[in-house]
Amino acid sequence: MDVQKQKNAVAVLSVASNTLLVIAKLVIGLAIGSVSVLSEAIHSGVDLVAALIALFAVRTSGKPADEQHSFGHGKIENISGAVEAVLIFLAAGWIVYEAIGKLVDPQPMEKVGLGVGVMLASAVVNTIVSHMLFKVARRTDSVALKADAWHLRTDVWTSAGVMAGLGLIWVGEAIWPGRHFHWIDPVVAIAVALLIVRAAWDLTTQAGRDLMDANIAAPEQEWLRQYLLNLKGDTGQPDIHGYHKLRTRKAGGTRFVEFHLFVSPGMSVDEGHRIAQIVKADIRKHLPNCDVLIHIEPYDPSRDSQRRRARTEH
């Protein structure tokens, strides 16, 4: 299965699993009157919307560059991640509002065991699906799938929290008949909301970073600088004299790298092109899915500023 088919397949799986979980949580939450289960239904609803956005994003990002989008469609994945983060913030606000209402006016719950069961099923399903999403996201460097995976992984944690809260109510009322522990339900719901906000913030910073054309990841940027500084010795090319004007950015899973490479002024066009191709191939081996643009520039040792940039820029 090629990269695009893998991305599409796990995105569709995420949509299907979230649809089933939303239905199950809504039915059980309404049946037993649990605000924490209903909050989880809303959380899964947000996950479903996020999964649909991710599906659209991975399908769109897979389109090749065209006349209107000469750098490709990769940034749709970053936009997807930002939209998903906004949805999570909204869901968290709704959960807190409902939970506060339940704290002010607590309502008894029936058949708490059903809530525990649906939360257990949710945690198991989302653990499996999120693992698959993370696996494909790492393999394909997909921002949209990674955001969707974090949505589901957060749902695993929150489902476990809700399950623990319902379990405490169940056990507490069994041990101490006549005493009510319904306050635990909205308190757990608020804790769920706080976890959701944390996930939303992380997604916002991650998606926004690439939308603002920040440099590629720090370890990758450092490797690139060291490679370019050591280029002359590594390639055995005495006509290479350093580099300057290094710029990097990322759109979706594609990295963009451009810089000027200083070479001996007497070098032929053919030789300059040959060296540029070698350098591009080396960079792409270490930085997969990388678009590299190299400007060949004649080196003038009489220009102190140029010589200083060529030797010390990093």
Protein backbone atom coordinates (compact mmCIF):
# COMPACT_ATOMS: atom_id res chain seq x y z
CA MET A 1 0.00 0.00 0.00
CA ASP A 2 1.49 3.40 -1.00
CA VAL A 3 1.79 6.36 1.37
CA GLN A 4 -1.39 8.15 0.29
CA LYS A 5 -3.50 4.99 0.54
CA GLN A 6 -2.17 4.32 4.05
CA LYS A 7 -3.10 7.84 5.14
CA ASN A 8 -6.58 7.59 3.63
CA ALA A 9 -7.21 4.15 5.15
CA VAL A 10 -6.43 5.13 8.75
CA ALA A 11 -8.33 8.42 8.37
CA VAL A 12 -11.44 6.50 7.27
CA LEU A 13 -10.99 4.07 10.18
CA SER A 14 -10.86 7.02 12.60
CA VAL A 15 -14.12 8.42 11.19
CA ALA A 16 -15.88 5.05 11.51
CA SER A 17 -14.72 4.35 15.08
CA ASN A 18 -15.61 7.85 16.30
CA THR A 19 -19.08 7.63 14.75
CA LEU A 20 -19.83 4.44 16.68
CA LEU A 21 -18.44 5.83 19.94
CA VAL A 22 -20.45 9.06 19.71
CA ILE A 23 -23.68 7.09 19.30
CA ALA A 24 -22.87 4.67 22.14
CA LYS A 25 -21.84 7.42 24.59
CA LEU A 26 -24.88 9.58 23.83
CA VAL A 27 -27.29 6.69 24.32
CA ILE A 28 -25.69 5.54 27.61
CA GLY A 29 -25.11 9.06 28.93
CA LEU A 30 -28.74 10.06 28.41
CA ALA A 31 -29.96 6.74 29.79
CA ILE A 32 -28.10 7.02 33.11
CA GLY A 33 -28.02 10.85 33.37
CA SER A 34 -24.25 11.16 33.58
CA VAL A 35 -22.75 14.51 32.62
CA SER A 36 -19.26 12.99 32.46
CA VAL A 37 -20.42 10.35 29.96
CA LEU A 38 -22.24 13.03 27.96
CA SER A 39 -19.09 15.16 28.08
CA GLU A 40 -17.22 12.22 26.63
CA ALA A 41 -19.88 11.94 23.91
CA ILE A 42 -19.22 15.59 23.04
CA HIS A 43 -15.48 14.89 23.16
CA SER A 44 -15.94 12.00 20.74
CA GLY A 45 -18.15 14.23 18.60
CA VAL A 46 -15.29 16.70 18.36
CA ASP A 47 -13.00 13.78 17.55
CA LEU A 48 -15.40 12.79 14.77
CA VAL A 49 -15.35 16.28 13.28
CA ALA A 50 -11.56 16.30 13.63
CA ALA A 51 -11.35 12.90 11.92
CA LEU A 52 -13.47 14.20 9.03
CA ILE A 53 -11.24 17.26 8.74
CA ALA A 54 -8.15 15.04 8.84
CA LEU A 55 -9.60 12.81 6.12
CA PHE A 56 -10.23 15.84 3.91
CA ALA A 57 -6.77 17.22 4.71
CA VAL A 58 -4.79 14.06 3.90
CA ARG A 59 -6.69 13.60 0.65
CA THR A 60 -6.10 17.22 -0.36
CA SER A 61 -2.45 17.30 0.74
CA GLY A 62 -1.78 14.28 -1.47
CA LYS A 63 -2.58 16.25 -4.62
CA PRO A 64 0.47 17.21 -6.68
CA ALA A 65 1.53 20.83 -7.16
CA ASP A 66 -0.44 22.73 -9.80
CA GLU A 67 -0.50 26.17 -11.41
CA GLN A 68 -2.32 27.72 -8.45
CA HIS A 69 -0.32 25.88 -5.76
CA SER A 70 3.25 25.61 -7.02
CA PHE A 71 4.51 24.49 -3.58
CA GLY A 72 1.88 21.75 -3.32
CA HIS A 73 -1.04 21.41 -0.90
CA GLY A 74 0.81 20.33 2.24
CA LYS A 75 -0.26 23.27 4.43
CA ILE A 76 -3.85 22.04 4.42
CA GLU A 77 -2.68 19.57 7.07
CA ASN A 78 -1.44 22.42 9.29
CA ILE A 79 -4.72 24.29 8.80
CA SER A 80 -6.53 21.07 9.73
CA GLY A 81 -4.58 20.83 12.98
CA ALA A 82 -5.38 24.44 13.89
CA VAL A 83 -9.12 23.98 13.21
CA GLU A 84 -9.16 20.79 15.29
CA ALA A 85 -7.57 22.67 18.20
CA VAL A 86 -10.28 25.36 18.09
CA LEU A 87 -12.95 22.65 18.16
CA ILE A 88 -11.35 21.11 21.24
CA PHE A 89 -11.40 24.47 23.07
CA LEU A 90 -15.11 24.86 22.30
CA ALA A 91 -15.88 21.34 23.49
CA ALA A 92 -13.99 21.95 26.74
CA GLY A 93 -16.01 25.10 27.40
CA TRP A 94 -19.29 23.25 26.90
CA ILE A 95 -18.20 20.45 29.26
CA VAL A 96 -17.27 22.90 32.04
CA TYR A 97 -20.61 24.73 31.64
CA GLU A 98 -22.61 21.52 31.95
CA ALA A 99 -20.48 20.21 34.83
CA ILE A 100 -20.94 23.39 36.88
CA GLY A 101 -24.71 23.07 36.38
CA LYS A 102 -24.56 19.51 37.74
CA LEU A 103 -22.51 20.63 40.74
CA VAL A 104 -25.06 23.32 41.58
CA ASP A 105 -28.00 20.97 41.06
CA PRO A 106 -26.76 17.35 41.37
CA GLN A 107 -28.94 14.67 39.83
CA PRO A 108 -29.04 10.98 40.81
CA MET A 109 -27.77 8.44 38.28
CA GLU A 110 -29.07 4.99 37.47
CA LYS A 111 -27.30 1.94 36.03
CA VAL A 112 -23.83 3.39 36.56
CA GLY A 113 -22.35 0.10 35.39
CA LEU A 114 -23.46 0.86 31.82
CA GLY A 115 -21.40 4.03 31.92
CA VAL A 116 -18.36 2.12 33.14
CA GLY A 117 -18.81 -0.40 30.33
CA VAL A 118 -19.07 2.14 27.52
CA MET A 119 -16.02 4.05 28.84
CA LEU A 120 -14.00 0.83 28.93
CA ALA A 121 -15.01 0.02 25.35
CA SER A 122 -14.14 3.58 24.28
CA ALA A 123 -10.70 3.42 25.88
CA VAL A 124 -9.89 0.09 24.21
CA VAL A 125 -11.11 1.14 20.74
CA ASN A 126 -9.33 4.51 20.83
CA THR A 127 -6.11 2.95 22.09
CA ILE A 128 -6.05 0.66 19.05
CA VAL A 129 -7.05 3.31 16.51
CA SER A 130 -4.73 6.00 17.92
CA HIS A 131 -1.82 3.55 17.82
CA MET A 132 -2.50 2.94 14.13
CA LEU A 133 -2.81 6.66 13.44
CA PHE A 134 0.48 7.44 15.23
CA LYS A 135 2.22 4.66 13.32
CA VAL A 136 1.13 5.95 9.91
CA ALA A 137 1.64 9.60 10.96
CA ARG A 138 5.28 8.89 11.88
CA ARG A 139 5.84 6.90 8.69
CA THR A 140 4.31 9.59 6.44
CA ASP A 141 5.12 12.67 8.58
CA SER A 142 1.46 13.70 8.45
CA VAL A 143 0.51 16.62 10.71
CA ALA A 144 -3.22 15.99 10.22
CA LEU A 145 -3.01 12.33 11.21
CA LYS A 146 -0.79 13.15 14.17
CA ALA A 147 -3.36 15.69 15.39
CA ASP A 148 -6.15 13.13 14.95
CA ALA A 149 -4.10 10.55 16.85
CA TRP A 150 -3.61 12.97 19.75
CA HIS A 151 -7.36 13.60 19.77
CA LEU A 152 -8.01 9.90 20.26
CA ARG A 153 -5.16 9.41 22.73
CA THR A 154 -6.61 12.22 24.84
CA ASP A 155 -9.98 10.47 24.61
CA VAL A 156 -8.34 7.33 26.04
CA TRP A 157 -7.15 9.27 29.09
CA THR A 158 -10.46 11.06 29.60
CA SER A 159 -12.45 7.84 29.15
CA ALA A 160 -10.30 6.21 31.80
CA GLY A 161 -10.91 9.16 34.12
CA VAL A 162 -14.67 9.07 33.61
CA MET A 163 -14.66 5.30 34.11
CA ALA A 164 -12.77 5.73 37.39
CA GLY A 165 -15.22 8.40 38.57
CA LEU A 166 -18.26 6.30 37.75
CA GLY A 167 -16.58 3.33 39.41
CA LEU A 168 -16.12 5.33 42.62
CA ILE A 169 -19.79 6.31 42.59
CA TRP A 170 -20.81 2.70 41.92
CA VAL A 171 -18.64 1.26 44.70
CA GLY A 172 -19.33 4.07 47.15
CA GLU A 173 -23.09 3.77 46.90
CA ALA A 174 -22.86 -0.01 47.16
CA ILE A 175 -20.79 0.19 50.37
CA TRP A 176 -22.72 3.08 51.91
CA PRO A 177 -26.36 2.74 50.80
CA GLY A 178 -28.31 5.95 51.06
CA ARG A 179 -25.26 8.18 50.68
CA HIS A 180 -24.83 9.98 47.38
CA PHE A 181 -21.56 10.52 45.52
CA HIS A 182 -23.04 12.19 42.43
CA TRP A 183 -20.71 15.20 42.86
CA ILE A 184 -17.84 13.01 41.64
CA ASP A 185 -19.39 12.89 38.15
CA PRO A 186 -19.20 16.65 37.33
CA VAL A 187 -15.80 16.97 39.05
CA VAL A 188 -14.41 14.28 36.74
CA ALA A 189 -16.04 16.05 33.78
CA ILE A 190 -14.18 19.27 34.66
CA ALA A 191 -10.92 17.31 34.91
CA VAL A 192 -11.68 15.91 31.45
CA ALA A 193 -12.13 19.45 30.15
CA LEU A 194 -8.75 20.53 31.55
CA LEU A 195 -7.03 17.62 29.83
CA ILE A 196 -8.78 18.55 26.59
CA VAL A 197 -7.61 22.18 26.86
CA ARG A 198 -4.01 21.01 27.33
CA ALA A 199 -4.24 18.88 24.18
CA ALA A 200 -5.80 21.80 22.27
CA TRP A 201 -2.96 24.12 23.28
CA ASP A 202 -0.32 21.63 22.14
CA LEU A 203 -2.08 21.19 18.80
CA THR A 204 -2.41 24.95 18.33
CA THR A 205 1.31 25.60 18.88
CA GLN A 206 2.32 22.70 16.64
CA ALA A 207 0.02 23.65 13.75
CA GLY A 208 0.65 27.39 14.07
CA ARG A 209 4.42 26.94 14.00
CA ASP A 210 4.42 25.57 10.46
CA LEU A 211 1.73 27.99 9.29
CA MET A 212 4.11 30.81 10.28
CA ASP A 213 6.91 29.19 8.23
CA ALA A 214 9.09 28.47 11.26
CA ASN A 215 12.31 26.55 10.69
CA ILE A 216 12.22 22.77 10.50
CA ALA A 217 12.69 20.84 13.77
CA ALA A 218 15.78 21.90 15.75
CA PRO A 219 17.65 18.55 15.44
CA GLU A 220 17.07 18.55 11.66
CA GLN A 221 18.16 22.20 11.38
CA GLU A 222 21.33 21.49 13.37
CA TRP A 223 22.19 18.46 11.26
CA LEU A 224 21.74 20.54 8.11
CA ARG A 225 24.02 23.31 9.38
CA GLN A 226 26.73 20.86 10.41
CA TYR A 227 26.49 19.06 7.08
CA LEU A 228 26.89 22.32 5.14
CA LEU A 229 29.78 23.49 7.35
CA ASN A 230 31.61 20.19 6.75
CA LEU A 231 30.61 19.92 3.11
CA LYS A 232 34.04 20.52 1.61
CA GLY A 233 35.71 17.72 3.54
CA ASP A 234 32.81 15.27 3.31
CA THR A 235 32.47 15.50 -0.47
CA GLY A 236 36.16 15.84 -1.27
CA GLN A 237 35.37 18.96 -3.28
CA PRO A 238 38.15 21.57 -2.93
CA ASP A 239 36.04 24.01 -4.98
CA ILE A 240 33.34 24.32 -2.28
CA HIS A 241 33.96 27.23 0.11
CA GLY A 242 30.96 27.30 2.43
CA TYR A 243 27.38 28.57 2.35
CA HIS A 244 25.08 31.36 3.50
CA LYS A 245 21.41 32.48 3.41
CA LEU A 246 20.08 29.16 4.71
CA ARG A 247 16.28 29.13 4.97
CA THR A 248 14.03 26.23 5.95
CA ARG A 249 10.31 25.69 6.51
CA LYS A 250 7.76 22.93 6.50
CA ALA A 251 4.31 22.48 4.93
CA GLY A 252 2.48 19.34 5.99
CA GLY A 253 4.98 16.51 5.59
CA THR A 254 7.19 18.37 3.09
CA ARG A 255 10.34 20.20 4.14
CA PHE A 256 11.67 23.10 2.07
CA VAL A 257 15.39 23.93 2.22
CA GLU A 258 17.22 26.64 0.29
CA PHE A 259 20.69 28.20 0.58
CA HIS A 260 23.55 29.71 -1.41
CA LEU A 261 26.62 27.54 -1.93
CA PHE A 262 30.01 29.24 -2.46
CA VAL A 263 32.16 27.63 -5.18
CA SER A 264 35.38 28.56 -6.98
CA PRO A 265 34.63 31.32 -9.52
CA GLY A 266 36.19 29.39 -12.41
CA MET A 267 33.87 26.38 -12.00
CA SER A 268 31.86 25.40 -15.07
CA VAL A 269 28.07 25.37 -15.07
CA ASP A 270 28.11 21.59 -15.56
CA GLU A 271 30.36 21.06 -12.54
CA GLY A 272 28.28 23.39 -10.37
CA HIS A 273 25.14 21.50 -11.33
CA ARG A 274 26.81 18.16 -10.59
CA ILE A 275 27.86 19.30 -7.10
CA ALA A 276 24.39 20.69 -6.39
CA GLN A 277 22.83 17.34 -7.33
CA ILE A 278 25.20 15.48 -4.97
CA VAL A 279 24.37 17.84 -2.11
CA LYS A 280 20.62 17.56 -2.77
CA ALA A 281 20.80 13.76 -2.74
CA ASP A 282 22.71 13.76 0.57
CA ILE A 283 20.20 16.09 2.23
CA ARG A 284 17.21 14.07 0.99
CA LYS A 285 18.73 10.87 2.39
CA HIS A 286 18.73 12.41 5.88
CA LEU A 287 15.62 14.60 5.54
CA PRO A 288 12.95 12.59 3.69
CA ASN A 289 10.34 14.32 1.53
CA CYS A 290 12.56 17.38 1.21
CA ASP A 291 12.47 20.00 -1.56
CA VAL A 292 15.99 21.46 -1.86
CA LEU A 293 16.90 24.63 -3.77
CA ILE A 294 20.61 25.52 -4.10
CA HIS A 295 21.92 28.76 -5.57
CA ILE A 296 25.51 28.39 -6.81
CA GLU A 297 27.48 31.55 -6.00
CA PRO A 298 31.11 32.38 -6.91
CA TYR A 299 33.42 32.67 -3.92
CA ASP A 300 35.50 35.84 -3.69
CA PRO A 301 38.23 35.56 -1.01
CA SER A 302 38.90 39.30 -1.25
CA ARG A 303 35.48 40.04 0.21
CA ASP A 304 35.94 39.77 3.97
CA SER A 305 32.25 39.72 4.78
CA GLN A 306 31.62 36.92 2.30
CA ARG A 307 34.55 34.92 3.59
CA ARG A 308 33.38 35.37 7.17
CA ARG A 309 29.86 34.19 6.34
CA ALA A 310 31.16 31.20 4.44
CA ARG A 311 33.34 30.02 7.32
CA THR A 312 31.32 30.88 10.40
CA GLU A 313 27.59 30.96 9.61
CA HIS A 314 25.74 28.37 11.69
